[in-house]
Protein backbone atom coordinates (compact mmCIF):
# COMPACT_ATOMS: atom_id res chain seq x y z
CA UNK A 1 17.27 99.44 12.68
CA UNK A 2 16.34 97.16 9.83
CA UNK A 3 19.02 95.77 7.52
CA UNK A 4 17.58 95.93 4.22
CA UNK A 5 20.13 94.42 2.50
CA UNK A 6 19.99 90.90 4.70
CA UNK A 7 15.89 91.14 4.78
CA UNK A 8 16.04 91.46 0.74
CA UNK A 9 18.74 88.36 0.67
CA UNK A 10 16.69 86.35 3.05
CA UNK A 11 13.54 86.86 1.24
CA UNK A 12 15.24 86.21 -1.96
CA UNK A 13 16.91 82.84 -1.02
CA UNK A 14 14.14 81.16 1.14
CA UNK A 15 11.07 82.54 -0.56
CA UNK A 16 8.28 80.09 -0.44
CA UNK A 17 8.13 80.17 -4.04
CA UNK A 18 11.89 79.68 -5.12
CA UNK A 19 12.07 76.53 -2.42
CA UNK A 20 8.78 75.01 -3.98
CA UNK A 21 10.24 75.04 -7.46
CA UNK A 22 13.47 73.79 -5.98
CA UNK A 23 11.68 71.25 -4.25
CA UNK A 24 9.86 70.34 -7.32
CA UNK A 25 13.17 70.15 -9.40
CA UNK A 26 14.82 67.94 -7.01
CA UNK A 27 11.73 65.84 -6.75
CA UNK A 28 11.70 65.53 -10.70
CA UNK A 29 15.23 64.30 -10.75
CA UNK A 30 14.12 61.69 -8.37
CA UNK A 31 11.23 60.67 -10.02
CA UNK A 32 13.34 60.65 -13.44
CA UNK A 33 15.90 58.37 -11.60
CA UNK A 34 13.35 55.96 -10.22
CA UNK A 35 11.90 56.08 -13.55
CA UNK A 36 15.47 55.02 -15.18
CA UNK A 37 15.79 52.58 -12.66
CA UNK A 38 12.36 50.95 -13.32
CA UNK A 39 13.19 50.91 -16.95
CA UNK A 40 16.54 49.22 -16.19
CA UNK A 41 14.94 46.45 -14.37
CA UNK A 42 11.93 45.86 -16.71
CA UNK A 43 14.78 45.42 -19.61
CA UNK A 44 16.68 42.95 -17.15
CA UNK A 45 13.32 41.18 -16.40
CA UNK A 46 12.48 41.33 -19.95
CA UNK A 47 15.62 39.84 -21.25
CA UNK A 48 15.83 37.19 -18.24
CA UNK A 49 12.15 35.87 -19.30
CA UNK A 50 12.98 35.92 -22.86
CA UNK A 51 16.54 34.50 -22.22
CA UNK A 52 14.49 31.68 -20.04
CA UNK A 53 11.64 31.32 -22.52
CA UNK A 54 14.45 30.62 -25.25
CA UNK A 55 16.04 28.13 -23.55
CA UNK A 56 13.01 26.22 -23.06
CA UNK A 57 11.83 26.54 -26.74
CA UNK A 58 15.24 25.42 -27.84
CA UNK A 59 15.35 22.51 -25.50
CA UNK A 60 12.02 21.45 -26.80
CA UNK A 61 12.82 21.90 -30.65
CA UNK A 62 16.13 19.61 -29.69
CA UNK A 63 14.12 17.14 -27.94
CA UNK A 64 11.44 16.99 -31.28
CA UNK A 65 14.48 16.60 -33.30
CA UNK A 66 15.92 13.93 -31.42
CA UNK A 67 12.61 12.32 -31.16
CA UNK A 68 11.99 12.64 -35.18
CA UNK A 69 15.61 10.90 -35.38
CA UNK A 70 14.56 7.95 -33.34
CA UNK A 71 11.04 7.24 -34.76
CA UNK A 72 12.46 7.84 -38.16
CA UNK A 73 15.45 5.41 -37.65
CA UNK A 74 15.71 2.58 -39.96
CA UNK A 75 13.34 -0.32 -38.90
CA UNK A 76 12.37 -3.77 -40.00
CA UNK A 77 9.68 -5.93 -39.17
CA UNK A 78 8.34 -9.79 -38.98
CA UNK A 79 5.76 -11.78 -37.39
CA UNK A 80 5.51 -15.00 -35.92
CA UNK A 81 3.22 -17.45 -33.45
CA UNK A 82 3.57 -19.09 -30.52
CA UNK A 83 3.61 -22.68 -30.72
CA UNK A 84 2.54 -25.57 -28.87
CA UNK A 85 3.75 -25.46 -25.00
CA UNK A 86 6.23 -27.90 -24.19
CA UNK A 87 7.22 -29.40 -20.93
CA UNK A 88 9.59 -26.81 -19.76
CA UNK A 89 6.87 -24.15 -20.10
CA UNK A 90 8.59 -22.78 -23.40
CA UNK A 91 6.98 -22.72 -26.87
CA UNK A 92 8.58 -22.00 -29.87
CA UNK A 93 7.79 -18.95 -32.20
CA UNK A 94 7.01 -20.29 -35.54
CA UNK A 95 6.40 -18.61 -39.00
CA UNK A 96 9.56 -16.49 -38.28
CA UNK A 97 13.04 -16.37 -39.24
CA UNK A 98 15.90 -13.76 -39.37
CA UNK A 99 15.47 -10.50 -40.20
CA UNK A 100 18.57 -8.02 -41.17
CA UNK A 101 19.98 -4.96 -40.93
CA UNK A 102 23.41 -3.29 -41.07
CA UNK A 103 24.85 -6.97 -41.20
CA UNK A 104 23.02 -8.02 -38.06
CA UNK A 105 20.25 -10.83 -38.12
CA UNK A 106 18.20 -11.27 -35.52
CA UNK A 107 15.51 -14.12 -34.46
CA UNK A 108 13.09 -14.76 -31.80
CA UNK A 109 13.48 -18.49 -31.22
CA UNK A 110 10.87 -19.47 -28.40
CA UNK A 111 9.27 -18.00 -25.37
CA UNK A 112 7.80 -18.58 -21.64
CA UNK A 113 4.61 -17.03 -20.85
CA UNK A 114 3.09 -17.01 -17.56
CA UNK A 115 1.14 -14.99 -14.93
CA UNK A 116 4.63 -13.34 -13.41
CA UNK A 117 7.42 -14.46 -15.87
CA UNK A 118 8.00 -13.40 -19.41
CA UNK A 119 11.30 -15.29 -20.87
CA UNK A 120 12.40 -14.95 -24.47
CA UNK A 121 15.51 -16.55 -26.17
CA UNK A 122 16.71 -14.93 -29.14
CA UNK A 123 19.70 -15.39 -31.50
CA UNK A 124 21.91 -12.42 -33.12
CA UNK A 125 23.77 -13.33 -36.23
CA UNK A 126 26.78 -11.15 -37.45
CA UNK A 127 28.02 -10.58 -40.99
CA UNK A 128 32.04 -10.95 -41.38
CA UNK A 129 32.53 -7.61 -41.54
CA UNK A 130 30.83 -6.74 -38.52
CA UNK A 131 33.19 -6.60 -35.36
CA UNK A 132 31.79 -7.56 -32.22
CA UNK A 133 33.18 -8.71 -28.61
CA UNK A 134 31.36 -11.61 -28.03
CA UNK A 135 31.58 -11.54 -24.19
CA UNK A 136 30.57 -7.61 -24.08
CA UNK A 137 27.88 -7.45 -26.29
CA UNK A 138 24.73 -6.07 -25.40
CA UNK A 139 21.72 -4.40 -26.64
CA UNK A 140 18.61 -2.52 -25.79
CA UNK A 141 14.80 -3.61 -26.19
CA UNK A 142 11.43 -2.89 -25.21
CA UNK A 143 8.36 -5.25 -24.94
CA UNK A 144 4.83 -4.20 -25.05
CA UNK A 145 1.40 -5.62 -26.15
CA UNK A 146 -1.42 -4.31 -28.42
CA UNK A 147 -3.15 -2.37 -25.70
CA UNK A 148 0.55 -0.57 -25.26
CA UNK A 149 0.97 -1.88 -21.74
CA UNK A 150 4.84 -1.59 -21.30
CA UNK A 151 6.44 -5.36 -19.87
CA UNK A 152 9.83 -3.65 -19.90
CA UNK A 153 12.41 -1.38 -21.21
CA UNK A 154 15.86 -2.13 -21.04
CA UNK A 155 18.60 0.51 -22.18
CA UNK A 156 22.10 -0.74 -23.06
CA UNK A 157 24.88 0.65 -20.60
CA UNK A 158 27.41 2.81 -22.58
CA UNK A 159 30.55 3.11 -20.70
CA UNK A 160 33.17 5.52 -21.55
CA UNK A 161 30.61 8.01 -23.29
CA UNK A 162 28.07 10.67 -22.74
CA UNK A 163 25.01 8.70 -23.32
CA UNK A 164 22.76 10.11 -26.12
CA UNK A 165 19.90 7.69 -25.18
CA UNK A 166 19.03 9.64 -21.95
CA UNK A 167 15.36 10.49 -23.41
CA UNK A 168 14.85 6.99 -24.84
CA UNK A 169 12.30 6.23 -22.64
CA UNK A 170 10.49 9.30 -22.81
CA UNK A 171 10.73 8.75 -26.63
CA UNK A 172 9.05 5.30 -26.57
CA UNK A 173 6.42 6.35 -24.26
CA UNK A 174 5.51 9.27 -26.73
CA UNK A 175 5.57 7.01 -29.50
CA UNK A 176 3.24 4.70 -27.97
CA UNK A 177 0.91 7.17 -26.33
CA UNK A 178 1.83 5.95 -22.85
CA UNK A 179 0.79 8.40 -20.14
CA UNK A 180 3.04 8.39 -17.18
CA UNK A 181 4.43 10.29 -13.65
CA UNK A 182 6.92 12.63 -14.31
CA UNK A 183 7.82 11.78 -10.62
CA UNK A 184 8.16 7.78 -11.06
CA UNK A 185 8.89 7.05 -14.76
CA UNK A 186 8.92 3.41 -14.43
CA UNK A 187 5.91 2.92 -12.49
CA UNK A 188 3.91 2.20 -15.52
CA UNK A 189 5.87 -0.73 -16.43
CA UNK A 190 4.63 -3.95 -15.66
CA UNK A 191 8.15 -5.55 -14.44
CA UNK A 192 9.40 -5.83 -11.07
CA UNK A 193 12.96 -6.82 -12.45
CA UNK A 194 14.47 -7.53 -15.66
CA UNK A 195 17.76 -8.21 -17.43
CA UNK A 196 19.46 -9.92 -20.36
CA UNK A 197 21.95 -12.71 -20.28
CA UNK A 198 24.27 -14.11 -22.74
CA UNK A 199 23.85 -17.79 -23.17
CA UNK A 200 25.75 -19.05 -25.77
CA UNK A 201 28.73 -18.07 -28.12
CA UNK A 202 29.51 -19.84 -31.49
CA UNK A 203 32.57 -18.23 -32.87
CA UNK A 204 32.43 -20.47 -36.14
CA UNK A 205 28.77 -19.24 -36.83
CA UNK A 206 29.44 -15.91 -35.74
CA UNK A 207 26.22 -16.36 -33.51
CA UNK A 208 25.19 -15.04 -29.90
CA UNK A 209 22.34 -16.39 -28.26
CA UNK A 210 20.83 -14.24 -25.70
CA UNK A 211 17.81 -14.27 -23.21
CA UNK A 212 15.66 -11.64 -22.05
CA UNK A 213 13.54 -12.26 -18.41
CA UNK A 214 10.84 -10.10 -17.03
CA UNK A 215 9.39 -10.71 -13.94
CA UNK A 216 5.95 -8.98 -13.30
CA UNK A 217 5.06 -6.71 -10.15
CA UNK A 218 1.51 -8.01 -9.76
CA UNK A 219 0.20 -10.40 -12.71
CA UNK A 220 0.85 -9.81 -16.69
CA UNK A 221 -2.14 -8.93 -18.78
CA UNK A 222 -3.73 -11.63 -20.98
CA UNK A 223 -2.28 -10.13 -24.10
CA UNK A 224 -3.09 -11.27 -27.48
CA UNK A 225 -0.18 -9.94 -29.07
CA UNK A 226 3.28 -8.94 -27.92
CA UNK A 227 5.75 -6.52 -29.61
CA UNK A 228 9.65 -7.27 -29.21
CA UNK A 229 11.51 -4.08 -30.43
CA UNK A 230 15.47 -4.46 -30.21
CA UNK A 231 17.87 -1.65 -30.71
CA UNK A 232 21.15 -0.26 -29.83
CA UNK A 233 23.38 -3.16 -30.45
CA UNK A 234 26.99 -2.96 -29.39
CA UNK A 235 29.60 -3.53 -26.70
CA UNK A 236 32.30 -1.67 -24.79
CA UNK A 237 36.01 -2.59 -25.00
CA UNK A 238 37.64 -1.81 -21.36
CA UNK A 239 41.27 -1.75 -21.01
CA UNK A 240 42.97 -2.44 -17.61
CA UNK A 241 46.58 -1.63 -16.59
CA UNK A 242 49.18 -3.47 -15.06
CA UNK A 243 47.55 -3.28 -11.68
CA UNK A 244 44.61 -4.49 -12.87
CA UNK A 245 42.60 -1.31 -12.40
CA UNK A 246 40.54 0.62 -15.09
CA UNK A 247 42.60 2.52 -17.49
CA UNK A 248 40.21 3.38 -20.58
CA UNK A 249 36.58 2.15 -21.85
CA UNK A 250 35.17 2.62 -25.17
CA UNK A 251 32.16 2.37 -26.03
CA UNK A 252 31.11 0.71 -30.15
CA UNK A 253 27.47 1.00 -31.03
CA UNK A 254 26.92 -1.12 -34.11
CA UNK A 255 23.74 -0.13 -35.63
CA UNK A 256 21.20 3.03 -35.12
CA UNK A 257 18.24 0.62 -36.55
CA UNK A 258 15.46 -1.15 -35.16
CA UNK A 259 14.10 -4.84 -35.32
CA UNK A 260 10.52 -5.45 -34.46
CA UNK A 261 9.05 -8.65 -34.06
CA UNK A 262 5.09 -9.13 -33.72
CA UNK A 263 4.20 -12.31 -31.93
CA UNK A 264 0.61 -13.59 -31.87
CA UNK A 265 -0.15 -15.12 -28.35
CA UNK A 266 -3.18 -18.18 -28.71
CA UNK A 267 -5.93 -17.94 -25.68
CA UNK A 268 -4.27 -21.60 -24.69
CA UNK A 269 -1.54 -19.66 -23.10
CA UNK A 270 -3.62 -17.77 -20.58
CA UNK A 271 -4.88 -21.04 -19.21
CA UNK A 272 -1.98 -20.45 -16.72
CA UNK A 273 -2.08 -22.51 -13.48
CA UNK A 274 -1.26 -19.74 -10.46
CA UNK A 275 -1.97 -21.34 -6.96
CA UNK A 276 -2.65 -19.37 -3.94
CA UNK A 277 -1.34 -20.28 -1.14
CA UNK A 278 -1.69 -20.16 2.67
CA UNK A 279 0.40 -21.32 6.26
CA UNK A 280 -1.49 -24.14 7.75
CA UNK A 281 -1.50 -22.27 11.07
CA UNK A 282 -1.15 -18.43 11.92
CA UNK A 283 2.33 -17.44 12.74
CA UNK A 284 2.89 -14.62 15.46
CA UNK A 285 4.55 -11.15 14.32
CA UNK A 286 3.90 -11.56 10.53
CA UNK A 287 0.45 -11.01 8.50
CA UNK A 288 0.51 -12.67 5.17
CA UNK A 289 -1.15 -10.63 2.54
CA UNK A 290 -0.94 -12.83 -0.58
CA UNK A 291 0.97 -15.88 -1.38
CA UNK A 292 1.06 -17.22 -5.00
CA UNK A 293 3.06 -20.12 -6.65
CA UNK A 294 3.15 -20.74 -10.38
CA UNK A 295 5.60 -22.84 -12.81
CA UNK A 296 8.24 -19.82 -12.88
CA UNK A 297 8.25 -18.77 -9.29
CA UNK A 298 6.69 -17.98 -6.14
CA UNK A 299 5.52 -14.39 -4.66
CA UNK A 300 5.07 -13.65 -0.99
CA UNK A 301 3.55 -10.49 0.41
CA UNK A 302 3.47 -9.68 4.03
CA UNK A 303 3.37 -7.45 6.81
CA UNK A 304 5.97 -7.38 9.64
CA UNK A 305 7.30 -4.93 12.42
CA UNK A 306 10.42 -7.04 12.94
CA UNK A 307 11.19 -7.56 9.21
CA UNK A 308 10.65 -3.82 8.71
CA UNK A 309 12.89 -3.02 11.58
CA UNK A 310 15.76 -5.32 10.33
CA UNK A 311 15.29 -3.63 6.84
CA UNK A 312 15.99 -0.11 8.30
CA UNK A 313 19.02 -1.44 10.56
CA UNK A 314 20.59 -2.85 7.31
CA UNK A 315 22.30 0.50 6.39
CA UNK A 316 24.65 -0.24 9.52
CA UNK A 317 25.40 -3.86 8.67
CA UNK A 318 27.95 -5.35 6.21
CA UNK A 319 26.12 -6.84 3.12
CA UNK A 320 26.80 -10.64 4.19
CA UNK A 321 25.56 -9.88 7.54
CA UNK A 322 22.20 -8.17 6.45
CA UNK A 323 21.63 -11.10 4.18
CA UNK A 324 21.95 -13.59 6.75
CA UNK A 325 20.16 -11.97 9.08
CA UNK A 326 17.27 -11.71 6.77
CA UNK A 327 17.20 -15.05 5.67
CA UNK A 328 17.24 -16.16 9.02
CA UNK A 329 14.40 -14.11 10.16
CA UNK A 330 12.18 -15.41 6.88
CA UNK A 331 12.94 -18.58 4.60
CA UNK A 332 11.47 -21.15 2.73
CA UNK A 333 12.38 -24.69 2.96
CA UNK A 334 11.44 -28.05 1.50
CA UNK A 335 10.56 -30.97 3.41
CA UNK A 336 14.38 -32.05 3.73
CA UNK A 337 15.56 -28.55 5.42
CA UNK A 338 16.94 -27.16 1.73
CA UNK A 339 16.11 -23.80 1.53
CA UNK A 340 14.77 -21.83 -1.61
CA UNK A 341 16.65 -18.85 -3.04
CA UNK A 342 15.35 -15.32 -2.62
CA UNK A 343 15.23 -13.68 -6.09
CA UNK A 344 14.10 -10.34 -4.76
CA UNK A 345 12.79 -8.33 -2.33
CA UNK A 346 10.94 -4.83 -1.97
CA UNK A 347 8.90 -2.66 0.21
CA UNK A 348 5.10 -1.86 -0.93
CA UNK A 349 3.12 1.37 -0.69
CA UNK A 350 1.71 0.20 2.72
CA UNK A 351 3.73 0.45 5.80
CA UNK A 352 5.98 -2.33 7.17
CA UNK A 353 4.52 -4.35 4.26
CA UNK A 354 7.10 -6.09 1.74
CA UNK A 355 7.26 -8.47 -1.18
CA UNK A 356 9.67 -11.01 -1.90
CA UNK A 357 10.25 -13.50 -5.00
CA UNK A 358 11.53 -17.12 -4.09
CA UNK A 359 13.20 -19.52 -6.85
CA UNK A 360 10.15 -22.37 -6.14
CA UNK A 361 7.52 -23.49 -8.58
CA UNK A 362 4.72 -25.70 -9.15
CA UNK A 363 6.71 -28.54 -9.07
CA UNK A 364 8.19 -28.14 -5.89
CA UNK A 365 4.64 -28.47 -4.11
CA UNK A 366 4.97 -32.19 -4.48
CA UNK A 367 7.93 -32.09 -1.86
CA UNK A 368 6.05 -30.07 0.74
CA UNK A 369 7.03 -26.40 1.28
CA UNK A 370 7.63 -24.77 4.58
CA UNK A 371 7.54 -21.03 5.58
CA UNK A 372 9.81 -20.22 8.33
CA UNK A 373 9.65 -17.09 10.57
CA UNK A 374 11.49 -16.06 13.74
CA UNK A 375 9.31 -14.01 16.50
CA UNK A 376 11.10 -12.60 19.54
CA UNK A 377 13.34 -15.20 19.40
CA UNK A 378 11.08 -18.19 18.87
CA UNK A 379 11.38 -20.03 15.76
CA UNK A 380 7.90 -21.06 13.74
CA UNK A 381 7.42 -23.39 10.76
CA UNK A 382 4.40 -24.14 8.89
CA UNK A 383 3.51 -25.82 5.91
CA UNK A 384 2.22 -23.84 3.06
CA UNK A 385 -1.30 -25.36 1.88
CA UNK A 386 -3.62 -24.33 -1.27
CA UNK A 387 -5.86 -21.55 0.02
């Protein structure tokens, strides 16, 4: 016997039409939920993108503001000409006097210019109301030529504060229109090393004589004009406690101004005497790529597997031990056995190839110069002769 009540209930509850409507209804809720989730994700993505873009735009705006401040900083300029070359290689800068801003007067006195060296002597003179620590005084500079070849950029170290000159090198590049590699921003500069030295202090005259020294990576160009810009003069005061450890530091910036010097370089300065040398006989274990000597220094570029191995072992040695071993492996001496000082050493792009600078000049050729190299425990010594 058919139970009509049960039949009617099942047909009503499980009918295809009703179930289809319920499925559509549930599916609709799922789709709506998915749409809501996608909408939220899209909004989040837009906010993230807009935030990132806004940060980039803000950073760009801030960079432009700071660059404008740098470019529009108070500036003064003067011009001069390099005079006759003296016996020591230096030439006086004539037709040039002090230029003054913010109670600080600066003058370029003389320059030495060779294929591998730029050396400039300058004097800072301070008004009586300018307080300065003579011993701790320093400054920043950029030197470039008429073709915007950059000889060097030096930034004063700011100790005890967050430096605001982090982008200074990029401001200079932008101002001069210099293209550079973001992975190696220093590659466009012509120097191998550079620095400044405090030469003399005259408390009575309130003057400080300083020296800028720049050494070339390879060879300086034949520039017709050189531009020296001095900026960020200042000093750092350091306080130590009773145990002679650093207690606190404070940086003092004396001016935001720029002092600009344009120096004309006569053609006679490019009659430079740079001689290429070679060992009188070949030495096992080392290949000499190029050896040059000028009035101001000697440069040796070579390839050596043993030297390269010693360089790599250096990380596990004490500094003194490492330096002594390098010096024993390769050094330059005169006829009396006196060793010439190694000024710098660096690797090149070629594998196992290095370039070192030696404190020897053309005047030393009269004494005869020898290159000494130890290969597999055997000491070799060869005279350097003109190539």
